[in-house]
């Protein structure tokens, strides 16, 4: 049986828009104890980027004094690499390795957010089961 992304993805409710402030995105991440938020266009809900803990660290060091006043569009990772629900899990893992990312937004044909695939969830399902 071929493993698919839809079998491992989770729902992602924490989203921001490109016009939101960095501080509001960070507050959302802290409130929900998460390491990223997906960035979607406000008018059509299409995925345009991702804002992660890595972005916070990287961007803070280059613009400390004005960092929290920036818009998400100024600091988010773009373009964001995405997958479809019916993508083979092995292809998604190859993408994660190729682009050195720990998460991939899962989108439909119109690039609307359906969920997110985390490296940790894949690791937990494959590796930890074999070790125990």
Protein backbone atom coordinates (compact mmCIF):
# COMPACT_ATOMS: atom_id res chain seq x y z
CA UNK A 1 0.00 0.00 0.00
CA UNK A 2 1.32 3.43 -0.97
CA UNK A 3 1.35 5.93 1.89
CA UNK A 4 -0.15 9.32 0.97
CA UNK A 5 0.18 12.78 2.47
CA UNK A 6 -3.54 12.84 3.39
CA UNK A 7 -2.92 9.92 5.76
CA UNK A 8 -0.39 11.94 7.80
CA UNK A 9 -1.45 15.57 7.49
CA UNK A 10 -3.20 17.41 10.28
CA UNK A 11 -5.62 20.32 10.19
CA UNK A 12 -3.98 23.72 10.46
CA UNK A 13 -6.19 26.45 11.87
CA UNK A 14 -3.52 28.99 12.71
CA UNK A 15 -3.26 31.29 9.71
CA UNK A 16 -2.28 34.91 9.10
CA UNK A 17 -2.41 37.25 6.13
CA UNK A 18 0.52 39.05 4.47
CA UNK A 19 -0.71 42.32 5.99
CA UNK A 20 -0.72 41.03 9.58
CA UNK A 21 2.05 42.21 11.87
CA UNK A 22 4.93 40.02 12.93
CA UNK A 23 4.01 40.54 16.57
CA UNK A 24 0.45 39.28 16.00
CA UNK A 25 1.80 36.15 14.29
CA UNK A 26 4.25 35.52 17.12
CA UNK A 27 1.45 35.96 19.69
CA UNK A 28 -0.67 33.43 17.77
CA UNK A 29 2.23 30.98 17.75
CA UNK A 30 2.78 31.41 21.49
CA UNK A 31 -0.94 31.10 22.33
CA UNK A 32 -1.20 27.84 20.38
CA UNK A 33 2.26 26.48 21.26
CA UNK A 34 3.18 26.05 17.58
CA UNK A 35 6.28 26.70 15.52
CA UNK A 36 4.67 28.13 12.40
CA UNK A 37 1.67 29.84 10.86
CA UNK A 38 0.54 29.57 7.25
CA UNK A 39 0.16 32.84 5.33
CA UNK A 40 -2.95 33.10 3.14
CA UNK A 41 -4.32 35.89 0.97
CA UNK A 42 -7.23 37.52 2.74
CA UNK A 43 -9.44 37.84 -0.34
CA UNK A 44 -9.18 34.27 -1.68
CA UNK A 45 -7.54 32.13 1.06
CA UNK A 46 -4.73 30.91 -1.21
CA UNK A 47 -1.47 29.93 0.46
CA UNK A 48 1.29 32.45 -0.28
CA UNK A 49 3.88 31.75 2.42
CA UNK A 50 4.79 30.33 5.78
CA UNK A 51 6.17 32.07 8.87
CA UNK A 52 8.28 29.88 11.15
CA UNK A 53 10.51 30.05 14.21
CA UNK A 54 13.42 29.97 11.79
CA UNK A 55 12.09 33.12 10.09
CA UNK A 56 11.86 34.84 13.46
CA UNK A 57 15.47 34.07 14.32
CA UNK A 58 16.84 34.86 10.87
CA UNK A 59 14.93 38.10 10.34
CA UNK A 60 15.32 39.40 13.89
CA UNK A 61 19.10 39.42 13.57
CA UNK A 62 18.94 41.56 10.42
CA UNK A 63 16.35 44.12 11.57
CA UNK A 64 16.21 44.11 15.35
CA UNK A 65 14.86 47.58 16.01
CA UNK A 66 11.91 47.39 13.64
CA UNK A 67 11.28 43.64 13.55
CA UNK A 68 8.02 43.43 15.50
CA UNK A 69 6.57 46.31 13.47
CA UNK A 70 7.11 44.59 10.12
CA UNK A 71 4.35 42.96 8.13
CA UNK A 72 4.35 39.20 7.66
CA UNK A 73 4.82 39.73 3.90
CA UNK A 74 8.22 41.27 4.66
CA UNK A 75 9.56 38.31 6.63
CA UNK A 76 7.67 35.17 5.59
CA UNK A 77 9.27 32.37 3.63
CA UNK A 78 8.11 32.57 0.05
CA UNK A 79 7.49 30.94 -2.20
CA UNK A 80 6.30 28.20 0.10
CA UNK A 81 6.67 24.57 -0.99
CA UNK A 82 3.34 22.75 -0.86
CA UNK A 83 1.95 19.30 -1.54
CA UNK A 84 -1.43 17.89 -2.49
CA UNK A 85 -3.26 15.35 -0.29
CA UNK A 86 -2.73 12.57 -2.84
CA UNK A 87 1.03 13.14 -3.08
CA UNK A 88 2.99 10.03 -2.19
CA UNK A 89 4.48 10.37 1.27
CA UNK A 90 7.88 9.35 -0.09
CA UNK A 91 7.76 12.27 -2.56
CA UNK A 92 6.84 14.68 0.24
CA UNK A 93 9.77 13.44 2.35
CA UNK A 94 12.10 13.94 -0.61
CA UNK A 95 10.83 17.52 -0.93
CA UNK A 96 11.43 18.14 2.78
CA UNK A 97 15.00 16.92 2.44
CA UNK A 98 15.61 18.82 -0.81
CA UNK A 99 14.34 22.14 0.56
CA UNK A 100 15.49 21.57 4.16
CA UNK A 101 12.02 22.15 5.64
CA UNK A 102 10.25 20.41 8.50
CA UNK A 103 6.70 21.18 7.38
CA UNK A 104 4.75 21.33 4.14
CA UNK A 105 1.35 22.98 3.76
CA UNK A 106 -1.16 20.66 2.09
CA UNK A 107 -3.28 22.45 -0.52
CA UNK A 108 -6.03 21.66 -3.00
CA UNK A 109 -5.94 22.36 -6.76
CA UNK A 110 -6.76 26.05 -6.15
CA UNK A 111 -3.94 26.37 -3.60
CA UNK A 112 -6.34 26.60 -0.63
CA UNK A 113 -5.04 25.28 2.67
CA UNK A 114 -6.27 21.81 3.66
CA UNK A 115 -3.73 20.96 6.36
CA UNK A 116 -0.04 20.60 7.06
CA UNK A 117 2.45 17.75 7.00
CA UNK A 118 5.09 17.73 9.75
CA UNK A 119 8.38 15.86 9.62
CA UNK A 120 7.89 14.90 13.27
CA UNK A 121 4.60 13.12 12.55
CA UNK A 122 6.20 11.09 9.78
CA UNK A 123 9.15 10.26 12.04
CA UNK A 124 6.86 9.25 14.90
CA UNK A 125 4.85 6.92 12.69
CA UNK A 126 7.72 5.22 10.93
CA UNK A 127 10.77 5.32 13.15
CA UNK A 128 9.43 5.20 16.67
CA UNK A 129 7.20 2.23 15.92
CA UNK A 130 10.22 0.30 14.64
CA UNK A 131 12.40 1.16 17.63
CA UNK A 132 9.84 0.06 20.24
